[in-house]
Amino acid sequence: METGIFNPAQRVEDAGMLGLGTVHYNLNEAGLMQAAVRRGEGEIGIGGAFLCNTGKHTGRSPRDKFVVREPSIEADVWWENNPAMEPDAFERLRRDMFAHMRGGEYFVQDLYAGADPEHRLNLRLVNELAWHGLFVRHMLRCPELGELTGFTPEFTIINCPTFKADPARHGCRSETVIAISFERRMVLIGDTSYAGENKKCIFSILNFILPGRGVMPMHCSANHALGDIDDSAVFFGLSGTGKTTLSADPARTLLGDDEHGWTDRGIFNFEGGCYAKTVNLSPEAEPEIYHTTAMFSTVIENMVYDPHTRVLDFADDSLTTNMRCAYPLHYISNASATGLAGVPRNIVMLTCDAFGVLPPIAKLTPAQAMYHFLTGFTAKMAGTEKGVTRAQPTFSTCFGKPFMTRRPEVYGALLRDKIARHGSACWLVNTGWTGGAYGTGSRMPIRATRALLSAALNGSLNGAEFRTDANFGFQVPVSVPGVDDALLDPRRTWADPAAYDRQAVELVAMFVRNFEQYEPHVGDDVKAAAPDAA
């Protein structure tokens, strides 16, 4: 049986899924929630949010993600970062998964990835869980109603959590599998109910396709000035650096919080929604995101709540610290209606330096921008993970290593060339520690960070006096209105300047050791942008 609106020439049978039971095409939010409750997948929460639990997987399974080693893409994939699956193993996996699916009820959504019509990707998502259909409907972009009857998918993503892979038969690591085939234009996901796998496999696909078109895919948030789409900015950063918080500026229009592309005309959001962490979320610190947790059809993942009142407990992370909410972008009052903006005037790379060495802001040349983009530095603090007893460096190339399907230098060169061609200003912003490392110093004042960012985005910082940082060689402002001058020189904030010097030498050495893997693949300008361990 089939229900919903779809192109009759593009049934799921065309992808080889034969003998399915009831297939629902493009149900809206209300229909998906009704089905999810009927099937016992979750409960309705306050305001009409949908409350669910993802089971044993409360996050992505990066070690279970594979790219099929096919002739047309073999030379271009970064295989050290993308474990390979052989084509015959993928074919066995596909046949076995489709056999497992026979007679079942499935939820199909036909959606776009990409707000730019020239570069968007038509996707068909076939989900065993109705609430996964709701999730992807939020996270991607919905065609107009009239477009569905002519919709032709370019990639099909099949997500069947009840299917368990056989490592010996399917060439994978465990019963959990995420397998991407670029020649079959298909993704198979099994044995995980974590909805983020739907979202991130699409990002991996775009990270492979778009560089071939000269488009820079970016793991970043983005915004633009109110009423001026040509005054745009992008914010790169790993978890905990302030990427979502700092881009959600009420004085600017939010383009998106996670994934964007950069063409020669401007930037565009890949997605149509947000997937925000909710641990310790408060109405004071993040009012817009907080309010979405009590709005119709917002998906609430892995949060503890009162079984009688359905009131959420934002402090209880007993299920996971990775508890999240997924909601459409228009739930944020200052969000862009189009997902499009001009070429970014400013590139912001956010880092949380728990060693207390980096200045709160620094200006980068294009070569330095490529260096720090490839480095993708932040730090874990003591106590954040079991066994972490002191600050530890984290280097995630391109600020999103798990999703990079090509070698990182491909993305780094694209970014460097676009910055140089368009004259974008590039800034490294440290939201971490000052006055000492974690445990001794203090967190960078958010008011100072916001003042420095504001000065960078409105152009006033370009006229400041700069000094050359002795450790990293980038330019650091000497004085900025509203910011203590001492804060701009980290060494002056330490009680023991000699201790700062020792810590700086240690951090530089960490950068140098990490970058050795990229040196054979970058030009002399980027090598010259690296700090000198000597």
Protein backbone atom coordinates (compact mmCIF):
# COMPACT_ATOMS: atom_id res chain seq x y z
CA MET A 1 0.00 0.00 0.00
CA GLU A 2 1.22 3.52 -0.79
CA THR A 3 0.16 6.80 0.80
CA GLY A 4 1.16 10.43 0.32
CA ILE A 5 2.37 12.54 -2.60
CA PHE A 6 5.17 11.40 -4.89
CA ASN A 7 6.31 10.98 -8.46
CA PRO A 8 4.61 7.74 -9.61
CA ALA A 9 7.56 7.09 -11.91
CA GLN A 10 9.90 7.07 -8.88
CA ARG A 11 8.59 4.44 -6.48
CA VAL A 12 10.95 2.78 -4.01
CA GLU A 13 10.75 -0.36 -6.15
CA ASP A 14 12.87 1.48 -8.71
CA ALA A 15 15.78 1.29 -6.23
CA GLY A 16 15.27 -2.47 -5.85
CA MET A 17 13.18 -2.41 -2.65
CA LEU A 18 10.60 -5.04 -3.58
CA GLY A 19 7.80 -6.46 -1.50
CA LEU A 20 7.61 -3.74 1.12
CA GLY A 21 4.40 -3.44 3.11
CA THR A 22 2.92 0.03 3.60
CA VAL A 23 5.02 2.87 2.18
CA HIS A 24 4.16 6.44 3.21
CA TYR A 25 5.49 9.09 0.85
CA ASN A 26 6.12 12.65 2.10
CA LEU A 27 3.82 12.72 5.11
CA ASN A 28 3.86 16.14 6.78
CA GLU A 29 4.93 16.78 10.37
CA ALA A 30 1.51 15.97 11.86
CA GLY A 31 1.23 12.74 9.90
CA LEU A 32 4.72 11.60 10.89
CA MET A 33 4.13 12.36 14.57
CA GLN A 34 0.80 10.52 14.49
CA ALA A 35 2.47 7.48 12.94
CA ALA A 36 5.39 7.59 15.41
CA VAL A 37 3.04 7.62 18.40
CA ARG A 38 0.90 4.83 16.89
CA ARG A 39 4.02 2.72 16.45
CA GLY A 40 5.24 3.35 20.01
CA GLU A 41 8.36 5.22 18.91
CA GLY A 42 7.94 8.03 21.44
CA GLU A 43 5.56 10.43 23.17
CA ILE A 44 4.15 13.90 22.65
CA GLY A 45 5.73 16.49 24.94
CA ILE A 46 4.86 20.00 26.02
CA GLY A 47 3.90 22.25 23.12
CA GLY A 48 3.66 19.30 20.75
CA ALA A 49 7.33 18.35 20.76
CA PHE A 50 8.15 14.69 20.07
CA LEU A 51 10.07 12.88 22.83
CA CYS A 52 12.14 9.85 21.85
CA ASN A 53 15.08 7.69 22.83
CA THR A 54 17.71 6.45 20.37
CA GLY A 55 18.59 3.30 22.33
CA LYS A 56 22.14 1.96 22.55
CA HIS A 57 23.50 4.52 20.08
CA THR A 58 23.30 8.05 21.48
CA GLY A 59 25.79 9.44 18.97
CA ARG A 60 27.39 8.68 15.63
CA SER A 61 29.31 5.45 15.02
CA PRO A 62 32.29 6.78 13.01
CA ARG A 63 34.18 3.48 13.07
CA ASP A 64 31.21 1.78 11.37
CA LYS A 65 31.01 4.20 8.43
CA PHE A 66 32.39 3.00 5.07
CA VAL A 67 32.82 4.27 1.53
CA VAL A 68 32.56 1.67 -1.23
CA ARG A 69 35.85 1.39 -3.12
CA GLU A 70 34.62 1.96 -6.69
CA PRO A 71 36.75 2.72 -9.79
CA SER A 72 35.23 6.14 -10.52
CA ILE A 73 36.07 7.59 -7.09
CA GLU A 74 38.99 5.47 -5.88
CA ALA A 75 41.69 8.02 -6.73
CA ASP A 76 39.90 10.90 -4.98
CA VAL A 77 38.78 9.50 -1.62
CA TRP A 78 40.83 10.06 1.54
CA TRP A 79 40.95 6.37 2.41
CA GLU A 80 42.93 6.84 5.62
CA ASN A 81 39.88 8.69 6.96
CA ASN A 82 37.20 6.64 5.20
CA PRO A 83 37.39 2.86 5.71
CA ALA A 84 36.74 1.05 2.44
CA MET A 85 34.03 -1.50 1.68
CA GLU A 86 34.44 -3.65 -1.40
CA PRO A 87 31.69 -3.44 -4.06
CA ASP A 88 30.71 -7.11 -3.78
CA ALA A 89 30.35 -6.76 0.02
CA PHE A 90 28.11 -3.71 -0.49
CA GLU A 91 26.00 -5.68 -2.96
CA ARG A 92 25.52 -8.47 -0.42
CA LEU A 93 24.65 -5.88 2.21
CA ARG A 94 22.11 -4.25 -0.09
CA ARG A 95 20.42 -7.53 -1.00
CA ASP A 96 20.28 -8.73 2.60
CA MET A 97 18.94 -5.43 3.91
CA PHE A 98 16.25 -5.29 1.22
CA ALA A 99 15.21 -8.87 2.02
CA HIS A 100 14.96 -7.94 5.69
CA MET A 101 12.74 -4.96 4.83
CA ARG A 102 10.08 -6.96 2.95
CA GLY A 103 6.59 -6.59 4.38
CA GLY A 104 7.54 -3.69 6.66
CA GLU A 105 6.13 -0.18 7.03
CA TYR A 106 8.40 2.60 5.75
CA PHE A 107 8.40 6.39 5.60
CA VAL A 108 9.81 8.12 2.52
CA GLN A 109 10.76 11.78 2.35
CA ASP A 110 11.87 13.48 -0.89
CA LEU A 111 13.97 16.48 0.12
CA TYR A 112 16.71 18.85 -1.01
CA ALA A 113 20.14 19.36 0.51
CA GLY A 114 21.21 22.90 -0.39
CA ALA A 115 19.42 26.24 -0.59
CA ASP A 116 21.18 27.13 -3.85
CA PRO A 117 19.12 25.61 -6.71
CA GLU A 118 22.25 25.29 -8.87
CA HIS A 119 24.03 23.08 -6.35
CA ARG A 120 21.31 21.39 -4.33
CA LEU A 121 21.12 17.60 -4.18
CA ASN A 122 17.80 15.77 -4.59
CA LEU A 123 17.54 13.11 -1.88
CA ARG A 124 15.15 10.28 -1.16
CA LEU A 125 15.26 9.11 2.46
CA VAL A 126 13.60 5.78 3.27
CA ASN A 127 13.23 5.36 7.04
CA GLU A 128 11.96 2.48 9.13
CA LEU A 129 11.18 4.89 11.99
CA ALA A 130 8.50 7.52 11.46
CA TRP A 131 10.29 9.96 13.76
CA HIS A 132 13.43 9.66 11.58
CA GLY A 133 11.22 10.91 8.76
CA LEU A 134 10.25 13.86 10.95
CA PHE A 135 13.91 14.51 11.79
CA VAL A 136 15.08 14.60 8.17
CA ARG A 137 12.09 16.73 7.19
CA HIS A 138 13.33 19.30 9.71
CA MET A 139 17.01 19.02 8.86
CA LEU A 140 16.75 19.21 5.06
CA ARG A 141 14.71 21.43 2.76
CA CYS A 142 11.20 20.57 1.60
CA PRO A 143 10.19 20.95 -2.05
CA GLU A 144 7.05 22.89 -2.83
CA LEU A 145 3.99 20.65 -3.00
CA GLY A 146 3.80 20.86 -6.79
CA GLU A 147 7.45 19.84 -7.15
CA LEU A 148 6.94 16.41 -5.55
CA THR A 149 5.13 14.92 -8.55
CA GLY A 150 8.21 15.59 -10.70
CA PHE A 151 10.86 14.89 -8.06
CA THR A 152 13.70 12.59 -9.14
CA PRO A 153 16.17 11.55 -6.42
CA GLU A 154 19.91 11.74 -7.14
CA PHE A 155 20.83 9.81 -3.98
CA THR A 156 18.77 7.35 -1.91
CA ILE A 157 19.43 6.87 1.81
CA ILE A 158 17.92 3.77 3.41
CA ASN A 159 17.87 3.61 7.21
CA CYS A 160 16.74 0.35 8.81
CA PRO A 161 17.65 0.19 12.52
CA THR A 162 16.31 -3.37 12.98
CA PHE A 163 18.75 -4.73 10.37
CA LYS A 164 22.01 -6.09 11.77
CA ALA A 165 25.02 -6.43 9.51
CA ASP A 166 27.25 -9.49 9.45
CA PRO A 167 30.91 -8.34 9.49
CA ALA A 168 32.16 -11.52 7.82
CA ARG A 169 29.60 -11.37 5.03
CA HIS A 170 29.33 -7.59 4.57
CA GLY A 171 32.93 -6.48 5.02
CA CYS A 172 32.19 -4.19 7.95
CA ARG A 173 33.35 -3.94 11.57
CA SER A 174 30.22 -4.78 13.58
CA GLU A 175 26.45 -5.24 13.30
CA THR A 176 26.18 -1.46 12.90
CA VAL A 177 26.90 -0.13 9.43
CA ILE A 178 26.77 3.10 7.42
CA ALA A 179 27.88 2.40 3.83
CA ILE A 180 28.08 5.02 1.06
CA SER A 181 28.19 3.97 -2.59
CA PHE A 182 28.85 6.85 -4.99
CA GLU A 183 28.34 4.72 -8.11
CA ARG A 184 25.05 3.25 -6.90
CA ARG A 185 24.20 6.68 -5.43
CA MET A 186 22.94 4.97 -2.31
CA VAL A 187 23.57 4.91 1.45
CA LEU A 188 22.67 1.93 3.64
CA ILE A 189 22.34 2.44 7.42
CA GLY A 190 21.64 -0.44 9.80
CA ASP A 191 21.50 -1.23 13.53
CA THR A 192 21.45 2.35 14.82
CA SER A 193 18.52 4.58 15.76
CA TYR A 194 20.66 7.69 16.15
CA ALA A 195 19.07 10.13 13.68
CA GLY A 196 22.27 12.12 13.20
CA GLU A 197 23.59 9.36 10.92
CA ASN A 198 21.00 10.50 8.32
CA LYS A 199 22.29 14.05 8.49
CA LYS A 200 26.03 13.42 8.51
CA CYS A 201 26.13 10.86 5.70
CA ILE A 202 24.59 13.56 3.47
CA PHE A 203 27.31 16.00 4.55
CA SER A 204 29.93 13.37 3.63
CA ILE A 205 28.35 13.03 0.17
CA LEU A 206 28.35 16.79 -0.39
CA ASN A 207 31.94 16.99 0.83
CA PHE A 208 32.88 14.70 -2.03
CA ILE A 209 30.67 16.11 -4.81
CA LEU A 210 30.94 19.87 -4.34
CA PRO A 211 34.73 20.45 -4.53
CA GLY A 212 34.60 19.04 -8.07
CA ARG A 213 32.29 21.94 -8.92
CA GLY A 214 34.55 24.53 -7.27
CA VAL A 215 32.21 24.80 -4.28
CA MET A 216 33.72 24.83 -0.79
CA PRO A 217 31.69 22.66 1.64
CA MET A 218 32.04 23.93 5.20
CA HIS A 219 31.28 22.57 8.67
CA CYS A 220 30.36 25.98 10.04
CA SER A 221 27.60 28.29 11.17
CA ALA A 222 26.87 31.48 9.22
CA ASN A 223 25.01 34.78 9.49
CA HIS A 224 24.71 38.13 7.76
CA ALA A 225 24.00 41.71 8.77
CA LEU A 226 20.35 42.63 9.14
CA GLY A 227 19.08 43.78 5.77
CA ASP A 228 22.42 43.22 4.03
CA ILE A 229 23.02 39.72 2.66
CA ASP A 230 26.37 40.85 1.22
CA ASP A 231 27.77 41.38 4.73
CA SER A 232 28.02 37.71 5.64
CA ALA A 233 30.28 35.76 7.98
CA VAL A 234 31.05 32.09 8.58
CA PHE A 235 32.09 30.53 11.90
CA PHE A 236 34.20 27.36 11.94
CA GLY A 237 34.57 25.57 15.24
CA LEU A 238 34.45 22.23 17.02
CA SER A 239 32.06 21.40 19.84
CA GLY A 240 32.43 23.70 22.85
CA THR A 241 34.07 26.61 21.01
CA GLY A 242 30.92 28.77 20.75
CA LYS A 243 30.03 28.17 17.08
CA THR A 244 26.27 28.15 17.70
CA THR A 245 26.24 30.76 20.48
CA LEU A 246 28.35 33.38 18.70
CA SER A 247 26.64 33.06 15.32
CA ALA A 248 23.19 33.40 16.93
CA ASP A 249 23.57 37.17 17.25
CA PRO A 250 20.19 39.00 17.47
CA ALA A 251 21.79 41.90 15.60
CA ARG A 252 22.42 39.64 12.59
CA THR A 253 20.36 37.19 10.51
CA LEU A 254 21.15 33.51 11.09
CA LEU A 255 21.80 31.54 7.91
CA GLY A 256 22.36 28.21 9.65
CA ASP A 257 24.25 26.54 12.48
CA ASP A 258 26.18 23.65 10.93
CA GLU A 259 26.72 23.07 7.18
CA HIS A 260 27.18 25.52 4.31
CA GLY A 261 28.65 25.82 0.84
CA TRP A 262 30.69 28.69 -0.69
CA THR A 263 30.34 29.39 -4.41
CA ASP A 264 31.74 32.30 -6.40
CA ARG A 265 28.38 34.03 -5.88
CA GLY A 266 28.11 33.56 -2.12
CA ILE A 267 27.26 31.08 0.60
CA PHE A 268 24.25 28.83 1.07
CA ASN A 269 22.90 26.63 3.84
CA PHE A 270 22.82 22.90 3.10
CA GLU A 271 20.07 22.38 5.65
CA GLY A 272 16.63 23.61 6.61
CA GLY A 273 16.87 23.13 10.35
CA CYS A 274 19.07 22.97 13.43
CA TYR A 275 20.27 20.06 15.58
CA ALA A 276 21.24 21.62 18.89
CA LYS A 277 22.66 20.14 22.08
CA THR A 278 20.29 20.59 25.04
CA VAL A 279 22.46 19.64 28.02
CA ASN A 280 22.22 22.52 30.53
CA LEU A 281 20.28 24.59 28.00
CA SER A 282 18.71 27.61 29.71
CA PRO A 283 16.26 30.36 28.74
CA GLU A 284 18.77 32.97 29.93
CA ALA A 285 21.80 31.82 27.91
CA GLU A 286 20.07 30.45 24.77
CA PRO A 287 16.45 31.67 24.79
CA GLU A 288 15.70 30.97 21.13
CA ILE A 289 16.92 27.36 21.21
CA TYR A 290 15.35 26.76 24.62
CA HIS A 291 11.93 27.82 23.40
CA THR A 292 12.06 25.41 20.45
CA THR A 293 11.98 22.50 22.92
CA ALA A 294 8.31 23.26 23.59
CA MET A 295 7.25 23.88 19.98
CA PHE A 296 5.20 21.68 17.67
CA SER A 297 7.08 18.74 16.08
CA THR A 298 10.53 19.59 17.53
CA VAL A 299 12.30 16.26 17.97
CA ILE A 300 13.71 15.81 21.50
CA GLU A 301 16.35 13.07 21.65
CA ASN A 302 17.52 11.24 24.77
CA MET A 303 16.33 13.75 27.37
CA VAL A 304 15.08 12.75 30.79
CA TYR A 305 11.60 14.11 31.51
CA ASP A 306 8.86 13.79 34.12
CA PRO A 307 6.57 10.95 32.96
CA HIS A 308 3.46 12.74 34.20
CA THR A 309 4.07 16.42 33.37
CA ARG A 310 6.48 15.76 30.45
CA VAL A 311 8.68 18.59 31.78
CA LEU A 312 12.23 18.23 30.41
CA ASP A 313 15.24 17.99 32.73
CA PHE A 314 18.03 19.88 31.00
CA ALA A 315 20.55 19.07 33.74
CA ASP A 316 20.07 15.29 33.81
CA ASP A 317 22.57 13.79 31.36
CA SER A 318 22.22 10.24 32.69
CA LEU A 319 21.16 8.97 29.25
CA THR A 320 23.89 10.88 27.40
CA THR A 321 25.58 14.27 27.40
CA ASN A 322 24.75 14.32 23.67
CA MET A 323 21.03 14.94 24.23
CA ARG A 324 19.64 17.10 21.43
CA CYS A 325 16.70 18.81 19.80
CA ALA A 326 15.99 19.07 16.06
CA TYR A 327 13.72 21.80 14.72
CA PRO A 328 13.07 23.75 11.50
CA LEU A 329 15.18 26.87 11.06
CA HIS A 330 12.15 29.16 10.93
CA TYR A 331 11.58 28.46 14.65
CA ILE A 332 14.46 30.91 15.22
CA SER A 333 13.04 34.42 14.94
CA ASN A 334 15.99 36.01 13.12
CA ALA A 335 16.64 33.11 10.74
CA SER A 336 17.06 33.65 7.00
CA ALA A 337 14.05 32.69 4.90
CA THR A 338 16.20 31.85 1.86
CA GLY A 339 19.34 30.25 3.32
CA LEU A 340 21.39 32.37 0.90
CA ALA A 341 23.90 35.21 1.40
CA GLY A 342 26.74 36.91 -0.41
CA VAL A 343 30.45 36.06 -0.37
CA PRO A 344 31.61 36.19 3.27
CA ARG A 345 33.39 39.35 4.24
CA ASN A 346 34.67 37.63 7.37
CA ILE A 347 35.84 34.10 8.17
CA VAL A 348 35.98 33.27 11.89
CA MET A 349 37.84 30.20 13.16
CA LEU A 350 36.88 29.46 16.75
CA THR A 351 39.11 27.59 19.16
CA CYS A 352 38.88 26.87 22.87
CA ASP A 353 42.51 26.98 23.98
CA ALA A 354 42.61 25.39 27.44
CA PHE A 355 46.38 26.03 27.59
CA GLY A 356 45.88 29.82 27.89
CA VAL A 357 48.40 30.65 25.15
CA LEU A 358 46.43 31.99 22.18
CA PRO A 359 45.19 35.60 22.11
CA PRO A 360 41.44 36.30 22.11
CA ILE A 361 41.59 37.33 18.45
CA ALA A 362 44.18 37.32 15.66
CA LYS A 363 44.10 38.27 11.99
CA LEU A 364 45.26 35.62 9.50
CA THR A 365 46.67 35.78 5.98
CA PRO A 366 45.16 33.37 3.40
CA ALA A 367 48.08 30.96 3.91
CA GLN A 368 47.72 31.16 7.69
CA ALA A 369 44.00 30.58 7.30
CA MET A 370 44.70 27.38 5.36
CA TYR A 371 47.20 26.29 8.01
CA HIS A 372 44.79 26.79 10.91
CA PHE A 373 41.91 25.31 8.92
CA LEU A 374 43.92 22.14 8.28
CA THR A 375 44.96 22.12 11.94
CA GLY A 376 41.43 22.49 13.37
CA PHE A 377 42.69 23.00 16.93
CA THR A 378 40.75 23.07 20.16
CA ALA A 379 41.30 21.41 23.55
CA LYS A 380 39.52 19.10 25.96
CA MET A 381 39.42 20.16 29.59
CA ALA A 382 40.17 17.92 32.56
CA GLY A 383 37.08 16.08 33.74
CA THR A 384 35.17 16.28 30.45
CA GLU A 385 35.98 12.65 29.64
CA LYS A 386 37.06 9.66 31.69
CA GLY A 387 40.83 9.64 32.05
CA VAL A 388 41.34 13.28 31.04
CA THR A 389 43.24 14.79 33.98
CA ARG A 390 44.72 17.85 32.28
CA ALA A 391 44.10 19.93 29.18
CA GLN A 392 44.52 17.85 26.03
CA PRO A 393 44.87 19.16 22.46
CA THR A 394 42.32 18.11 19.84
CA PHE A 395 43.13 18.51 16.15
CA SER A 396 40.21 17.87 13.79
CA THR A 397 41.23 18.88 10.28
CA CYS A 398 38.89 21.29 8.48
CA PHE A 399 36.95 21.52 11.77
CA GLY A 400 35.13 18.34 10.75
CA LYS A 401 37.50 15.46 10.07
CA PRO A 402 34.90 12.64 10.38
CA PHE A 403 32.97 14.00 7.39
CA MET A 404 35.87 14.72 5.04
CA THR A 405 35.71 12.30 2.10
CA ARG A 406 38.53 13.96 0.14
CA ARG A 407 42.00 14.75 1.43
CA PRO A 408 41.98 17.80 3.73
CA GLU A 409 44.34 19.79 1.49
CA VAL A 410 41.58 19.89 -1.15
CA TYR A 411 39.33 21.84 1.22
CA GLY A 412 42.19 23.90 2.61
CA ALA A 413 43.28 25.02 -0.86
CA LEU A 414 39.70 25.90 -1.79
CA LEU A 415 39.37 28.04 1.33
CA ARG A 416 42.73 29.77 0.82
CA ASP A 417 41.98 30.55 -2.82
CA LYS A 418 38.48 31.87 -2.10
CA ILE A 419 39.75 34.08 0.72
CA ALA A 420 42.48 35.46 -1.54
CA ARG A 421 40.16 35.93 -4.54
CA HIS A 422 37.36 37.67 -2.66
CA GLY A 423 39.42 39.53 -0.06
CA SER A 424 37.63 38.03 2.92
CA ALA A 425 39.13 38.92 6.28
CA CYS A 426 40.02 35.88 8.38
CA TRP A 427 40.14 35.79 12.17
CA LEU A 428 41.23 33.21 14.75
CA VAL A 429 39.14 33.69 17.91
CA ASN A 430 40.06 31.98 21.18
CA THR A 431 37.09 31.44 23.51
CA GLY A 432 39.20 29.38 25.92
CA TRP A 433 41.42 30.34 28.82
CA THR A 434 43.36 33.44 29.82
CA GLY A 435 45.67 34.16 32.77
CA GLY A 436 46.80 30.54 32.85
CA ALA A 437 45.83 27.12 31.62
CA TYR A 438 42.63 25.33 32.60
CA GLY A 439 42.58 24.94 36.39
CA THR A 440 44.68 28.06 36.97
CA GLY A 441 43.41 30.76 34.64
CA SER A 442 39.85 31.79 33.86
CA ARG A 443 37.56 31.47 30.85
CA MET A 444 37.80 34.26 28.29
CA PRO A 445 35.10 36.83 29.17
CA ILE A 446 32.18 36.37 26.77
CA ARG A 447 31.64 40.14 26.76
CA ALA A 448 35.19 40.67 25.47
CA THR A 449 34.75 37.95 22.82
CA ARG A 450 31.53 39.55 21.61
CA ALA A 451 33.16 43.02 21.52
CA LEU A 452 36.10 41.71 19.49
CA LEU A 453 33.83 39.81 17.10
CA SER A 454 31.64 42.87 16.64
CA ALA A 455 34.70 44.99 15.83
CA ALA A 456 35.89 42.36 13.34
CA LEU A 457 32.51 42.00 11.61
CA ASN A 458 31.76 45.73 11.37
CA GLY A 459 35.22 46.46 9.93
CA SER A 460 36.46 48.73 12.71
CA LEU A 461 39.13 46.24 13.76
CA ASN A 462 40.83 46.55 10.37
CA GLY A 463 42.04 50.01 11.36
CA ALA A 464 43.56 48.90 14.66
CA GLU A 465 47.28 48.78 15.45
CA PHE A 466 48.57 45.20 15.26
CA ARG A 467 51.61 43.36 16.62
CA THR A 468 53.10 40.11 15.35
CA ASP A 469 52.58 37.19 17.73
CA ALA A 470 55.94 35.77 18.77
CA ASN A 471 54.71 32.17 18.82
CA PHE A 472 52.43 31.84 15.78
CA GLY A 473 53.34 34.81 13.58
CA PHE A 474 49.78 36.09 13.08
CA GLN A 475 48.67 39.68 13.70
CA VAL A 476 47.11 40.58 17.06
CA PRO A 477 45.44 43.93 17.80
CA VAL A 478 47.18 46.03 20.45
CA SER A 479 44.08 47.90 21.59
CA VAL A 480 40.34 47.56 20.95
CA PRO A 481 37.68 49.83 22.52
CA GLY A 482 35.81 48.07 25.31
CA VAL A 483 38.48 45.38 25.81
CA ASP A 484 41.25 45.40 28.41
CA ASP A 485 44.58 45.85 26.58
CA ALA A 486 46.21 43.23 28.80
CA LEU A 487 43.71 40.61 27.60
CA LEU A 488 45.01 41.05 24.04
CA ASP A 489 48.50 39.98 25.14
CA PRO A 490 48.08 36.57 26.85
CA ARG A 491 51.56 36.67 28.36
CA ARG A 492 50.61 39.77 30.38
CA THR A 493 47.63 37.96 31.91
CA TRP A 494 49.77 35.21 33.48
CA ALA A 495 51.13 35.79 37.00
CA ASP A 496 54.34 34.03 35.91
CA PRO A 497 55.40 35.13 32.39
CA ALA A 498 58.10 32.44 32.31
CA ALA A 499 55.41 29.79 32.87
CA TYR A 500 53.52 31.25 29.90
CA ASP A 501 56.63 30.97 27.75
CA ARG A 502 57.07 27.30 28.69
CA GLN A 503 53.43 26.56 27.95
CA ALA A 504 53.64 28.40 24.60
CA VAL A 505 56.69 26.34 23.55
CA GLU A 506 54.79 23.17 24.44
CA LEU A 507 51.69 24.20 22.47
CA VAL A 508 53.71 25.21 19.40
CA ALA A 509 55.40 21.81 19.48
CA MET A 510 51.96 20.13 19.51
CA PHE A 511 50.97 22.13 16.42
CA VAL A 512 54.20 21.25 14.63
CA ARG A 513 53.90 17.53 15.36
CA ASN A 514 50.29 17.46 14.20
CA PHE A 515 51.03 19.31 10.95
CA GLU A 516 53.78 16.93 9.83
CA GLN A 517 51.12 14.76 8.16
CA TYR A 518 50.09 17.63 5.84
CA GLU A 519 53.52 19.03 4.90
CA PRO A 520 54.02 16.77 1.84
CA HIS A 521 50.71 17.98 0.43
CA VAL A 522 50.86 21.79 0.86
CA GLY A 523 52.75 24.61 -0.81
CA ASP A 524 55.64 26.64 0.53
CA ASP A 525 53.33 29.52 1.52
CA VAL A 526 51.40 27.30 3.93
CA LYS A 527 54.58 25.72 5.30
CA ALA A 528 55.89 29.24 5.96
CA ALA A 529 52.66 30.06 7.86
CA ALA A 530 53.36 27.32 10.40
CA PRO A 531 54.85 28.24 13.80
CA ASP A 532 58.53 27.48 14.33
CA ALA A 533 59.15 24.86 17.02
CA ALA A 534 62.74 26.03 17.32
